[in-house]
Amino acid sequence: MGILENKRRARIFYKYLSKVYDTVNPFIWNEEMRTEALSMLDIDEDDHVLDVGCGTGFGTEGLLEHTDNVHGLDQSVHQLQKAWTKIGKYDPVNFYRGDAERLPFKNDSFDVVWSSGSIEYWPDPVETLRDIRRVTKPGGQVLIVGPNYPRTGVMQKVADSIMLFYDREEADRMFREAGYEDIRHREMGPQYDPDIAITTVARAPEE
């Protein structure tokens, strides 16, 4: 387990990263990537959408282009404060401070669940994906963006020591173990590193 796959360390990390997050983020996760990821989803204007690990609201802003029924959750109050400044604390998004592993929502609450830049900090990603499936309506879509596993041995060792990095095969395993269907993956990234991220879209089983 990487050093940031620990909730206390991750909270401290984001306390300081929140000060510069929106300046640094475009070099890793930019608007073009967000648009490409959103194109992988079918979001109707009346869909209820959850952004897990919403951070400063970058992904949330993209979701608002498709529906007004957006909910954002993050464990870092410092990140949420940045989101509130940009979007508003109560309107148009319902924000919650909470844990991705124990989502404070009823079963079958959302048509779509989105999470970008959060899975790499989850101590148990399969269990967290199961809880996300719990709050997703049957047949609903889940999209997760995480860091793609490096290709070189040196960078792989560095990645393993920090947080979760994974490839298509590992993403497929995690989503299947968590009970998803129709699993699709796509690598994406900025021009200098077009495979830096891996985006997975899957469906909660119909019941």
N, C-alpha and C. Protein backbone atom coordinates (compact mmCIF):
# COMPACT_ATOMS: atom_id res chain seq x y z
N MET A 1 0.84 -1.20 0.00
CA MET A 1 0.00 0.00 0.00
C MET A 1 0.87 1.24 0.00
N GLY A 2 0.56 2.21 -0.88
CA GLY A 2 1.33 3.44 -0.96
C GLY A 2 1.07 4.35 0.23
N ILE A 3 1.97 5.30 0.43
CA ILE A 3 1.89 6.16 1.61
C ILE A 3 0.63 7.03 1.61
N LEU A 4 0.06 7.32 0.44
CA LEU A 4 -1.14 8.15 0.39
C LEU A 4 -2.43 7.34 0.36
N GLU A 5 -2.31 6.00 0.40
CA GLU A 5 -3.50 5.15 0.53
C GLU A 5 -3.83 4.99 2.01
N ASN A 6 -3.76 6.08 2.70
CA ASN A 6 -4.02 6.19 4.13
C ASN A 6 -4.82 7.47 4.31
N LYS A 7 -5.98 7.38 4.91
CA LYS A 7 -6.90 8.52 4.93
C LYS A 7 -6.31 9.72 5.67
N ARG A 8 -5.64 9.48 6.78
CA ARG A 8 -5.09 10.60 7.54
C ARG A 8 -4.02 11.31 6.74
N ARG A 9 -3.11 10.53 6.12
CA ARG A 9 -2.06 11.15 5.30
C ARG A 9 -2.66 11.87 4.10
N ALA A 10 -3.68 11.27 3.49
CA ALA A 10 -4.31 11.89 2.32
C ALA A 10 -4.96 13.22 2.70
N ARG A 11 -5.60 13.28 3.87
CA ARG A 11 -6.23 14.53 4.31
C ARG A 11 -5.19 15.62 4.51
N ILE A 12 -4.06 15.24 5.14
CA ILE A 12 -2.98 16.22 5.34
C ILE A 12 -2.41 16.67 4.01
N PHE A 13 -2.22 15.71 3.10
CA PHE A 13 -1.69 16.01 1.77
C PHE A 13 -2.58 17.03 1.06
N TYR A 14 -3.90 16.79 1.08
CA TYR A 14 -4.80 17.69 0.37
C TYR A 14 -5.03 19.00 1.10
N LYS A 15 -4.76 19.04 2.38
CA LYS A 15 -4.84 20.32 3.10
C LYS A 15 -3.90 21.34 2.46
N TYR A 16 -2.71 20.87 2.10
CA TYR A 16 -1.72 21.76 1.50
C TYR A 16 -1.85 21.82 -0.02
N LEU A 17 -2.18 20.69 -0.64
CA LEU A 17 -2.32 20.68 -2.09
C LEU A 17 -3.48 21.56 -2.54
N SER A 18 -4.51 21.69 -1.71
CA SER A 18 -5.68 22.48 -2.09
C SER A 18 -5.32 23.93 -2.42
N LYS A 19 -4.22 24.42 -1.84
CA LYS A 19 -3.81 25.81 -2.08
C LYS A 19 -3.36 26.03 -3.52
N VAL A 20 -2.83 24.97 -4.16
CA VAL A 20 -2.29 25.12 -5.52
C VAL A 20 -2.93 24.13 -6.49
N TYR A 21 -3.93 23.39 -6.03
CA TYR A 21 -4.48 22.30 -6.83
C TYR A 21 -4.95 22.75 -8.20
N ASP A 22 -5.70 23.84 -8.26
CA ASP A 22 -6.26 24.29 -9.54
C ASP A 22 -5.19 24.83 -10.48
N THR A 23 -4.03 25.16 -9.95
CA THR A 23 -2.92 25.60 -10.79
C THR A 23 -2.16 24.41 -11.36
N VAL A 24 -1.98 23.38 -10.53
CA VAL A 24 -1.22 22.19 -10.93
C VAL A 24 -2.06 21.23 -11.77
N ASN A 25 -3.34 21.12 -11.44
CA ASN A 25 -4.21 20.10 -12.03
C ASN A 25 -4.23 20.09 -13.56
N PRO A 26 -4.27 21.23 -14.26
CA PRO A 26 -4.34 21.19 -15.73
C PRO A 26 -3.18 20.49 -16.41
N PHE A 27 -2.05 20.33 -15.71
CA PHE A 27 -0.92 19.63 -16.31
C PHE A 27 -1.13 18.11 -16.29
N ILE A 28 -2.10 17.64 -15.50
CA ILE A 28 -2.35 16.21 -15.36
C ILE A 28 -3.75 15.82 -15.81
N TRP A 29 -4.72 16.69 -15.49
CA TRP A 29 -6.12 16.38 -15.74
C TRP A 29 -6.77 17.67 -16.22
N ASN A 30 -6.91 17.81 -17.55
CA ASN A 30 -7.33 19.08 -18.12
C ASN A 30 -8.75 19.02 -18.70
N GLU A 31 -9.21 20.14 -19.24
CA GLU A 31 -10.58 20.23 -19.75
C GLU A 31 -10.82 19.28 -20.92
N GLU A 32 -9.81 19.12 -21.78
CA GLU A 32 -9.97 18.21 -22.93
C GLU A 32 -10.18 16.77 -22.45
N MET A 33 -9.42 16.37 -21.43
CA MET A 33 -9.58 15.04 -20.88
C MET A 33 -10.95 14.88 -20.22
N ARG A 34 -11.37 15.89 -19.50
CA ARG A 34 -12.69 15.86 -18.85
C ARG A 34 -13.79 15.71 -19.89
N THR A 35 -13.68 16.47 -20.98
CA THR A 35 -14.67 16.38 -22.05
C THR A 35 -14.69 14.99 -22.68
N GLU A 36 -13.50 14.42 -22.88
CA GLU A 36 -13.41 13.07 -23.45
C GLU A 36 -14.04 12.04 -22.52
N ALA A 37 -13.78 12.18 -21.22
CA ALA A 37 -14.37 11.25 -20.26
C ALA A 37 -15.89 11.39 -20.23
N LEU A 38 -16.37 12.62 -20.23
CA LEU A 38 -17.82 12.84 -20.21
C LEU A 38 -18.49 12.26 -21.45
N SER A 39 -17.77 12.24 -22.57
CA SER A 39 -18.35 11.69 -23.80
C SER A 39 -18.58 10.18 -23.71
N MET A 40 -17.97 9.53 -22.73
CA MET A 40 -18.13 8.10 -22.53
C MET A 40 -19.41 7.77 -21.76
N LEU A 41 -20.08 8.80 -21.23
CA LEU A 41 -21.29 8.61 -20.44
C LEU A 41 -22.52 9.07 -21.21
N ASP A 42 -23.66 8.49 -20.85
CA ASP A 42 -24.96 8.94 -21.36
C ASP A 42 -25.67 9.61 -20.18
N ILE A 43 -25.59 10.94 -20.10
CA ILE A 43 -26.21 11.68 -19.00
C ILE A 43 -27.39 12.46 -19.54
N ASP A 44 -28.58 12.15 -19.04
CA ASP A 44 -29.77 12.92 -19.38
C ASP A 44 -29.89 14.11 -18.44
N GLU A 45 -30.58 15.14 -18.89
CA GLU A 45 -30.65 16.38 -18.11
C GLU A 45 -31.36 16.22 -16.77
N ASP A 46 -32.17 15.16 -16.63
CA ASP A 46 -32.86 14.94 -15.36
C ASP A 46 -32.19 13.85 -14.50
N ASP A 47 -31.03 13.36 -14.95
CA ASP A 47 -30.31 12.35 -14.17
C ASP A 47 -29.73 12.95 -12.89
N HIS A 48 -29.71 12.12 -11.84
CA HIS A 48 -29.05 12.49 -10.59
C HIS A 48 -27.64 11.88 -10.62
N VAL A 49 -26.64 12.75 -10.47
CA VAL A 49 -25.24 12.35 -10.63
C VAL A 49 -24.46 12.64 -9.36
N LEU A 50 -23.62 11.70 -8.96
CA LEU A 50 -22.75 11.86 -7.79
C LEU A 50 -21.31 11.94 -8.24
N ASP A 51 -20.58 12.93 -7.72
CA ASP A 51 -19.14 13.08 -7.96
C ASP A 51 -18.42 12.67 -6.67
N VAL A 52 -17.81 11.49 -6.68
CA VAL A 52 -17.11 10.96 -5.50
C VAL A 52 -15.67 11.44 -5.51
N GLY A 53 -15.25 12.08 -4.42
CA GLY A 53 -13.93 12.68 -4.38
C GLY A 53 -13.89 13.90 -5.27
N CYS A 54 -14.88 14.77 -5.11
CA CYS A 54 -15.06 15.89 -6.03
C CYS A 54 -13.96 16.94 -5.93
N GLY A 55 -13.20 16.95 -4.83
CA GLY A 55 -12.09 17.89 -4.70
C GLY A 55 -12.54 19.33 -4.83
N THR A 56 -11.83 20.10 -5.65
CA THR A 56 -12.15 21.51 -5.83
C THR A 56 -13.27 21.75 -6.85
N GLY A 57 -13.86 20.67 -7.35
CA GLY A 57 -15.03 20.80 -8.21
C GLY A 57 -14.76 20.82 -9.70
N PHE A 58 -13.57 20.42 -10.12
CA PHE A 58 -13.25 20.45 -11.55
C PHE A 58 -14.14 19.50 -12.34
N GLY A 59 -14.26 18.26 -11.88
CA GLY A 59 -15.15 17.31 -12.54
C GLY A 59 -16.60 17.72 -12.37
N THR A 60 -16.93 18.27 -11.21
CA THR A 60 -18.30 18.70 -10.92
C THR A 60 -18.76 19.74 -11.93
N GLU A 61 -17.89 20.68 -12.26
CA GLU A 61 -18.23 21.71 -13.23
C GLU A 61 -18.59 21.10 -14.58
N GLY A 62 -17.86 20.06 -14.98
CA GLY A 62 -18.17 19.39 -16.24
C GLY A 62 -19.51 18.68 -16.20
N LEU A 63 -19.82 18.06 -15.07
CA LEU A 63 -21.10 17.37 -14.93
C LEU A 63 -22.27 18.34 -15.00
N LEU A 64 -22.08 19.55 -14.49
CA LEU A 64 -23.14 20.56 -14.50
C LEU A 64 -23.50 21.00 -15.92
N GLU A 65 -22.64 20.72 -16.87
CA GLU A 65 -22.95 21.04 -18.26
C GLU A 65 -24.00 20.08 -18.84
N HIS A 66 -24.25 18.97 -18.11
CA HIS A 66 -25.16 17.94 -18.61
C HIS A 66 -26.43 17.82 -17.78
N THR A 67 -26.36 18.13 -16.50
CA THR A 67 -27.53 18.01 -15.62
C THR A 67 -27.38 18.98 -14.46
N ASP A 68 -28.51 19.42 -13.92
CA ASP A 68 -28.50 20.30 -12.75
C ASP A 68 -28.54 19.51 -11.44
N ASN A 69 -28.72 18.19 -11.54
CA ASN A 69 -28.88 17.36 -10.34
C ASN A 69 -27.56 16.71 -9.96
N VAL A 70 -26.61 17.53 -9.50
CA VAL A 70 -25.26 17.04 -9.20
C VAL A 70 -25.00 17.11 -7.70
N HIS A 71 -24.39 16.04 -7.19
CA HIS A 71 -24.01 15.96 -5.79
C HIS A 71 -22.50 15.70 -5.73
N GLY A 72 -21.79 16.39 -4.85
CA GLY A 72 -20.35 16.22 -4.72
C GLY A 72 -19.96 15.82 -3.32
N LEU A 73 -19.07 14.83 -3.20
CA LEU A 73 -18.61 14.35 -1.90
C LEU A 73 -17.09 14.32 -1.86
N ASP A 74 -16.53 14.78 -0.74
CA ASP A 74 -15.08 14.72 -0.56
C ASP A 74 -14.78 14.67 0.93
N GLN A 75 -13.66 14.01 1.30
CA GLN A 75 -13.28 13.94 2.71
C GLN A 75 -12.49 15.15 3.17
N SER A 76 -11.98 15.95 2.24
CA SER A 76 -11.13 17.10 2.58
C SER A 76 -11.95 18.38 2.61
N VAL A 77 -12.11 18.97 3.78
CA VAL A 77 -12.85 20.23 3.88
C VAL A 77 -12.11 21.34 3.15
N HIS A 78 -10.78 21.24 3.06
CA HIS A 78 -10.00 22.27 2.36
C HIS A 78 -10.28 22.24 0.86
N GLN A 79 -10.39 21.04 0.31
CA GLN A 79 -10.76 20.92 -1.10
C GLN A 79 -12.19 21.41 -1.32
N LEU A 80 -13.10 21.03 -0.43
CA LEU A 80 -14.48 21.45 -0.56
C LEU A 80 -14.62 22.96 -0.50
N GLN A 81 -13.85 23.60 0.34
CA GLN A 81 -13.92 25.06 0.44
C GLN A 81 -13.58 25.72 -0.89
N LYS A 82 -12.62 25.13 -1.61
CA LYS A 82 -12.28 25.65 -2.93
C LYS A 82 -13.46 25.44 -3.90
N ALA A 83 -14.11 24.29 -3.80
CA ALA A 83 -15.27 24.02 -4.65
C ALA A 83 -16.41 24.98 -4.34
N TRP A 84 -16.64 25.23 -3.05
CA TRP A 84 -17.71 26.16 -2.66
C TRP A 84 -17.45 27.55 -3.22
N THR A 85 -16.18 27.97 -3.21
CA THR A 85 -15.84 29.30 -3.72
C THR A 85 -16.15 29.41 -5.21
N LYS A 86 -15.87 28.34 -5.95
CA LYS A 86 -16.08 28.36 -7.40
C LYS A 86 -17.54 28.16 -7.79
N ILE A 87 -18.23 27.25 -7.09
CA ILE A 87 -19.54 26.81 -7.54
C ILE A 87 -20.67 27.31 -6.65
N GLY A 88 -20.39 27.48 -5.36
CA GLY A 88 -21.43 27.79 -4.39
C GLY A 88 -21.55 26.66 -3.40
N LYS A 89 -21.81 26.99 -2.14
CA LYS A 89 -21.82 25.96 -1.10
C LYS A 89 -23.10 25.12 -1.13
N TYR A 90 -24.21 25.73 -1.51
CA TYR A 90 -25.49 25.02 -1.45
C TYR A 90 -26.21 24.91 -2.80
N ASP A 91 -25.87 25.74 -3.73
CA ASP A 91 -26.56 25.77 -5.01
C ASP A 91 -25.57 26.17 -6.10
N PRO A 92 -25.53 25.46 -7.23
CA PRO A 92 -26.47 24.45 -7.72
C PRO A 92 -26.12 23.01 -7.32
N VAL A 93 -25.01 22.80 -6.61
CA VAL A 93 -24.56 21.45 -6.26
C VAL A 93 -24.83 21.19 -4.78
N ASN A 94 -25.23 19.97 -4.46
CA ASN A 94 -25.33 19.54 -3.07
C ASN A 94 -24.00 18.90 -2.68
N PHE A 95 -23.24 19.58 -1.81
CA PHE A 95 -21.94 19.07 -1.39
C PHE A 95 -22.04 18.38 -0.03
N TYR A 96 -21.21 17.34 0.14
CA TYR A 96 -21.18 16.58 1.38
C TYR A 96 -19.72 16.31 1.74
N ARG A 97 -19.41 16.39 3.02
CA ARG A 97 -18.10 15.92 3.47
C ARG A 97 -18.28 14.48 3.92
N GLY A 98 -17.56 13.57 3.29
CA GLY A 98 -17.76 12.17 3.61
C GLY A 98 -16.70 11.29 2.99
N ASP A 99 -16.81 10.00 3.29
CA ASP A 99 -15.82 8.99 2.93
C ASP A 99 -16.34 8.17 1.75
N ALA A 100 -15.51 8.01 0.73
CA ALA A 100 -15.90 7.23 -0.44
C ALA A 100 -16.18 5.77 -0.07
N GLU A 101 -15.56 5.27 0.99
CA GLU A 101 -15.77 3.88 1.39
C GLU A 101 -17.09 3.67 2.12
N ARG A 102 -17.67 4.74 2.66
CA ARG A 102 -18.94 4.65 3.39
C ARG A 102 -19.83 5.79 2.91
N LEU A 103 -20.37 5.63 1.74
CA LEU A 103 -21.15 6.70 1.13
C LEU A 103 -22.44 6.94 1.91
N PRO A 104 -22.72 8.19 2.26
CA PRO A 104 -23.90 8.49 3.09
C PRO A 104 -25.18 8.64 2.28
N PHE A 105 -25.44 7.66 1.42
CA PHE A 105 -26.61 7.74 0.56
C PHE A 105 -27.33 6.39 0.56
N LYS A 106 -28.62 6.44 0.27
CA LYS A 106 -29.42 5.22 0.22
C LYS A 106 -29.10 4.42 -1.05
N ASN A 107 -29.47 3.16 -1.02
CA ASN A 107 -29.31 2.31 -2.19
C ASN A 107 -30.04 2.91 -3.39
N ASP A 108 -29.47 2.72 -4.57
CA ASP A 108 -30.12 3.11 -5.83
C ASP A 108 -30.48 4.60 -5.87
N SER A 109 -29.57 5.45 -5.43
CA SER A 109 -29.84 6.89 -5.35
C SER A 109 -29.50 7.65 -6.63
N PHE A 110 -28.55 7.14 -7.43
CA PHE A 110 -28.01 7.93 -8.53
C PHE A 110 -28.06 7.17 -9.86
N ASP A 111 -28.32 7.95 -10.92
CA ASP A 111 -28.30 7.38 -12.27
C ASP A 111 -26.87 7.21 -12.77
N VAL A 112 -26.00 8.12 -12.37
CA VAL A 112 -24.60 8.11 -12.80
C VAL A 112 -23.72 8.47 -11.61
N VAL A 113 -22.61 7.76 -11.47
CA VAL A 113 -21.59 8.12 -10.47
C VAL A 113 -20.28 8.34 -11.20
N TRP A 114 -19.66 9.47 -10.89
CA TRP A 114 -18.39 9.89 -11.50
C TRP A 114 -17.35 10.02 -10.40
N SER A 115 -16.12 9.64 -10.68
CA SER A 115 -15.03 9.86 -9.73
C SER A 115 -13.74 10.02 -10.51
N SER A 116 -13.11 11.18 -10.39
CA SER A 116 -11.85 11.43 -11.09
C SER A 116 -10.78 11.85 -10.09
N GLY A 117 -9.67 11.12 -10.10
CA GLY A 117 -8.57 11.47 -9.21
C GLY A 117 -8.81 11.12 -7.76
N SER A 118 -9.56 10.07 -7.51
CA SER A 118 -9.86 9.67 -6.12
C SER A 118 -9.48 8.22 -5.83
N ILE A 119 -9.69 7.32 -6.80
CA ILE A 119 -9.48 5.89 -6.57
C ILE A 119 -8.07 5.58 -6.10
N GLU A 120 -7.09 6.38 -6.53
CA GLU A 120 -5.71 6.09 -6.16
C GLU A 120 -5.44 6.22 -4.67
N TYR A 121 -6.38 6.84 -3.93
CA TYR A 121 -6.22 7.01 -2.47
C TYR A 121 -7.08 6.04 -1.67
N TRP A 122 -7.85 5.19 -2.34
CA TRP A 122 -8.74 4.29 -1.63
C TRP A 122 -7.95 3.09 -1.10
N PRO A 123 -7.97 2.83 0.21
CA PRO A 123 -7.25 1.67 0.77
C PRO A 123 -7.76 0.34 0.22
N ASP A 124 -9.06 0.24 -0.06
CA ASP A 124 -9.63 -0.99 -0.61
C ASP A 124 -10.53 -0.62 -1.78
N PRO A 125 -9.97 -0.48 -2.99
CA PRO A 125 -10.76 0.00 -4.13
C PRO A 125 -11.92 -0.91 -4.50
N VAL A 126 -11.78 -2.21 -4.35
CA VAL A 126 -12.88 -3.11 -4.73
C VAL A 126 -14.09 -2.89 -3.82
N GLU A 127 -13.84 -2.80 -2.51
CA GLU A 127 -14.94 -2.56 -1.57
C GLU A 127 -15.58 -1.21 -1.82
N THR A 128 -14.76 -0.21 -2.15
CA THR A 128 -15.31 1.11 -2.43
C THR A 128 -16.14 1.10 -3.70
N LEU A 129 -15.67 0.39 -4.72
CA LEU A 129 -16.45 0.24 -5.94
C LEU A 129 -17.77 -0.47 -5.67
N ARG A 130 -17.77 -1.41 -4.74
CA ARG A 130 -19.02 -2.09 -4.38
C ARG A 130 -20.00 -1.12 -3.73
N ASP A 131 -19.49 -0.23 -2.87
CA ASP A 131 -20.38 0.72 -2.23
C ASP A 131 -20.90 1.74 -3.24
N ILE A 132 -20.06 2.10 -4.21
CA ILE A 132 -20.54 2.96 -5.29
C ILE A 132 -21.63 2.25 -6.08
N ARG A 133 -21.46 0.97 -6.34
CA ARG A 133 -22.50 0.21 -7.04
C ARG A 133 -23.79 0.18 -6.22
N ARG A 134 -23.66 0.11 -4.91
CA ARG A 134 -24.84 0.09 -4.04
C ARG A 134 -25.71 1.34 -4.23
N VAL A 135 -25.08 2.50 -4.36
CA VAL A 135 -25.85 3.75 -4.47
C VAL A 135 -26.23 4.08 -5.91
N THR A 136 -25.78 3.25 -6.85
CA THR A 136 -26.11 3.44 -8.27
C THR A 136 -27.36 2.65 -8.62
N LYS A 137 -28.26 3.26 -9.35
CA LYS A 137 -29.48 2.57 -9.76
C LYS A 137 -29.14 1.41 -10.69
N PRO A 138 -29.93 0.34 -10.67
CA PRO A 138 -29.71 -0.78 -11.59
C PRO A 138 -29.63 -0.28 -13.04
N GLY A 139 -28.58 -0.68 -13.73
CA GLY A 139 -28.37 -0.24 -15.10
C GLY A 139 -27.67 1.10 -15.21
N GLY A 140 -27.43 1.75 -14.07
CA GLY A 140 -26.77 3.05 -14.07
C GLY A 140 -25.29 2.93 -14.38
N GLN A 141 -24.71 4.05 -14.81
CA GLN A 141 -23.31 4.06 -15.22
C GLN A 141 -22.40 4.59 -14.11
N VAL A 142 -21.21 4.03 -14.05
CA VAL A 142 -20.15 4.49 -13.13
C VAL A 142 -18.90 4.75 -13.95
N LEU A 143 -18.31 5.92 -13.77
CA LEU A 143 -17.06 6.26 -14.46
C LEU A 143 -16.00 6.60 -13.43
N ILE A 144 -14.85 5.96 -13.56
CA ILE A 144 -13.73 6.19 -12.65
C ILE A 144 -12.49 6.55 -13.47
N VAL A 145 -11.85 7.66 -13.09
CA VAL A 145 -10.58 8.05 -13.71
C VAL A 145 -9.48 7.89 -12.67
N GLY A 146 -8.45 7.13 -13.02
CA GLY A 146 -7.33 6.93 -12.12
C GLY A 146 -6.01 6.97 -12.87
N PRO A 147 -4.89 6.87 -12.16
CA PRO A 147 -3.57 6.94 -12.80
C PRO A 147 -3.17 5.62 -13.45
N ASN A 148 -2.78 5.70 -14.70
CA ASN A 148 -2.34 4.53 -15.44
C ASN A 148 -0.98 4.06 -14.92
N TYR A 149 -0.79 2.74 -14.91
CA TYR A 149 0.46 2.18 -14.37
C TYR A 149 1.64 2.52 -15.27
N PRO A 150 2.73 3.03 -14.72
CA PRO A 150 3.89 3.40 -15.55
C PRO A 150 4.47 2.19 -16.29
N ARG A 151 5.18 2.47 -17.36
CA ARG A 151 5.73 1.39 -18.19
C ARG A 151 7.12 0.96 -17.75
N THR A 152 7.88 1.86 -17.14
CA THR A 152 9.26 1.54 -16.77
C THR A 152 9.35 1.04 -15.34
N GLY A 153 10.33 0.17 -15.10
CA GLY A 153 10.50 -0.43 -13.79
C GLY A 153 10.75 0.57 -12.68
N VAL A 154 11.57 1.57 -12.95
CA VAL A 154 11.88 2.57 -11.93
C VAL A 154 10.63 3.34 -11.53
N MET A 155 9.87 3.80 -12.53
CA MET A 155 8.66 4.56 -12.24
C MET A 155 7.58 3.69 -11.60
N GLN A 156 7.59 2.40 -11.92
CA GLN A 156 6.63 1.50 -11.28
C GLN A 156 6.90 1.39 -9.78
N LYS A 157 8.18 1.32 -9.41
CA LYS A 157 8.53 1.26 -7.99
C LYS A 157 8.14 2.54 -7.27
N VAL A 158 8.37 3.67 -7.93
CA VAL A 158 7.99 4.95 -7.34
C VAL A 158 6.47 5.02 -7.16
N ALA A 159 5.75 4.62 -8.21
CA ALA A 159 4.29 4.65 -8.17
C ALA A 159 3.75 3.76 -7.06
N ASP A 160 4.28 2.55 -6.94
CA ASP A 160 3.80 1.61 -5.93
C ASP A 160 4.01 2.13 -4.51
N SER A 161 5.03 2.95 -4.33
CA SER A 161 5.33 3.46 -2.99
C SER A 161 4.45 4.63 -2.58
N ILE A 162 3.77 5.25 -3.57
CA ILE A 162 2.99 6.45 -3.28
C ILE A 162 1.50 6.15 -3.13
N MET A 163 0.92 5.55 -4.15
CA MET A 163 -0.52 5.31 -4.14
C MET A 163 -0.86 4.28 -5.20
N LEU A 164 -2.13 4.06 -5.44
CA LEU A 164 -2.57 3.04 -6.38
C LEU A 164 -2.42 3.52 -7.82
N PHE A 165 -1.66 2.78 -8.61
CA PHE A 165 -1.62 2.92 -10.06
C PHE A 165 -2.05 1.57 -10.63
N TYR A 166 -2.71 1.56 -11.76
CA TYR A 166 -3.19 0.29 -12.30
C TYR A 166 -3.36 0.37 -13.81
N ASP A 167 -3.39 -0.80 -14.45
CA ASP A 167 -3.55 -0.87 -15.90
C ASP A 167 -4.94 -1.41 -16.24
N ARG A 168 -5.19 -1.63 -17.53
CA ARG A 168 -6.50 -2.12 -17.97
C ARG A 168 -6.86 -3.46 -17.32
N GLU A 169 -5.89 -4.36 -17.27
CA GLU A 169 -6.15 -5.69 -16.70
C GLU A 169 -6.58 -5.59 -15.24
N GLU A 170 -5.87 -4.75 -14.48
CA GLU A 170 -6.19 -4.61 -13.07
C GLU A 170 -7.53 -3.88 -12.90
N ALA A 171 -7.80 -2.88 -13.74
CA ALA A 171 -9.08 -2.19 -13.68
C ALA A 171 -10.22 -3.16 -13.96
N ASP A 172 -10.01 -4.01 -14.96
CA ASP A 172 -11.03 -5.00 -15.30
C ASP A 172 -11.30 -5.92 -14.12
N ARG A 173 -10.23 -6.38 -13.46
CA ARG A 173 -10.39 -7.27 -12.31
C ARG A 173 -11.17 -6.58 -11.20
N MET A 174 -10.79 -5.35 -10.86
CA MET A 174 -11.44 -4.65 -9.76
C MET A 174 -12.93 -4.45 -10.02
N PHE A 175 -13.27 -4.03 -11.23
CA PHE A 175 -14.67 -3.77 -11.53
C PHE A 175 -15.48 -5.06 -11.58
N ARG A 176 -14.88 -6.14 -12.11
CA ARG A 176 -15.62 -7.41 -12.15
C ARG A 176 -15.83 -7.94 -10.73
N GLU A 177 -14.81 -7.86 -9.88
CA GLU A 177 -14.96 -8.32 -8.50
C GLU A 177 -16.00 -7.49 -7.75
N ALA A 178 -16.12 -6.24 -8.14
CA ALA A 178 -17.09 -5.36 -7.48
C ALA A 178 -18.50 -5.53 -8.04
N GLY A 179 -18.65 -6.38 -9.08
CA GLY A 179 -19.98 -6.73 -9.56
C GLY A 179 -20.51 -5.92 -10.71
N TYR A 180 -19.64 -5.30 -11.50
CA TYR A 180 -20.09 -4.47 -12.62
C TYR A 180 -20.15 -5.26 -13.92
N GLU A 181 -20.87 -4.67 -14.87
CA GLU A 181 -21.01 -5.26 -16.21
C GLU A 181 -20.64 -4.21 -17.26
N ASP A 182 -20.51 -4.66 -18.50
CA ASP A 182 -20.24 -3.76 -19.65
C ASP A 182 -19.07 -2.83 -19.35
N ILE A 183 -17.96 -3.40 -18.97
CA ILE A 183 -16.79 -2.63 -18.55
C ILE A 183 -15.96 -2.22 -19.76
N ARG A 184 -15.65 -0.91 -19.84
CA ARG A 184 -14.83 -0.38 -20.93
C ARG A 184 -13.74 0.51 -20.36
N HIS A 185 -12.57 0.49 -21.00
CA HIS A 185 -11.44 1.29 -20.54
C HIS A 185 -10.91 2.16 -21.68
N ARG A 186 -10.35 3.31 -21.31
CA ARG A 186 -9.71 4.18 -22.29
C ARG A 186 -8.57 4.93 -21.60
N GLU A 187 -7.38 4.88 -22.22
CA GLU A 187 -6.27 5.68 -21.72
C GLU A 187 -6.40 7.10 -22.28
N MET A 188 -6.02 8.07 -21.48
CA MET A 188 -6.08 9.46 -21.93
C MET A 188 -5.06 10.29 -21.15
N GLY A 189 -4.76 11.48 -21.68
CA GLY A 189 -3.81 12.33 -20.99
C GLY A 189 -3.50 13.57 -21.79
N PRO A 190 -2.74 14.48 -21.22
CA PRO A 190 -2.31 15.68 -21.96
C PRO A 190 -1.33 15.30 -23.05
N GLN A 191 -1.01 16.25 -23.89
CA GLN A 191 -0.18 15.97 -25.07
C GLN A 191 1.17 15.38 -24.70
N TYR A 192 1.75 15.83 -23.61
CA TYR A 192 3.09 15.35 -23.25
C TYR A 192 3.09 13.92 -22.74
N ASP A 193 1.92 13.43 -22.31
CA ASP A 193 1.82 12.05 -21.81
C ASP A 193 0.39 11.56 -22.03
N PRO A 194 0.05 11.12 -23.25
CA PRO A 194 -1.34 10.80 -23.60
C PRO A 194 -1.91 9.57 -22.92
N ASP A 195 -1.10 8.82 -22.19
CA ASP A 195 -1.59 7.62 -21.50
C ASP A 195 -1.46 7.74 -19.98
N ILE A 196 -1.42 8.95 -19.46
CA ILE A 196 -1.16 9.13 -18.03
C ILE A 196 -2.32 8.66 -17.15
N ALA A 197 -3.54 8.68 -17.72
CA ALA A 197 -4.72 8.30 -16.95
C ALA A 197 -5.46 7.16 -17.63
N ILE A 198 -6.18 6.39 -16.82
CA ILE A 198 -7.04 5.34 -17.36
C ILE A 198 -8.46 5.60 -16.88
N THR A 199 -9.39 5.64 -17.83
CA THR A 199 -10.79 5.91 -17.53
C THR A 199 -11.60 4.64 -17.78
N THR A 200 -12.37 4.26 -16.79
CA THR A 200 -13.20 3.06 -16.89
C THR A 200 -14.66 3.44 -16.73
N VAL A 201 -15.49 2.93 -17.63
CA VAL A 201 -16.94 3.09 -17.53
C VAL A 201 -17.57 1.70 -17.44
N ALA A 202 -18.49 1.55 -16.51
CA ALA A 202 -19.16 0.26 -16.34
C ALA A 202 -20.60 0.51 -15.89
N ARG A 203 -21.40 -0.55 -15.91
CA ARG A 203 -22.80 -0.43 -15.48
C ARG A 203 -23.06 -1.31 -14.27
N ALA A 204 -23.92 -0.78 -13.39
CA ALA A 204 -24.46 -1.61 -12.31
C ALA A 204 -25.43 -2.61 -12.94
N PRO A 205 -25.42 -3.85 -12.47
CA PRO A 205 -26.30 -4.85 -13.09
C PRO A 205 -27.77 -4.47 -12.99
N GLU A 206 -28.53 -4.82 -14.02
CA GLU A 206 -29.98 -4.68 -13.97
C GLU A 206 -30.53 -5.72 -13.00
N GLU A 207 -31.57 -5.32 -12.31
CA GLU A 207 -32.19 -6.27 -11.36
C GLU A 207 -33.60 -6.63 -11.79
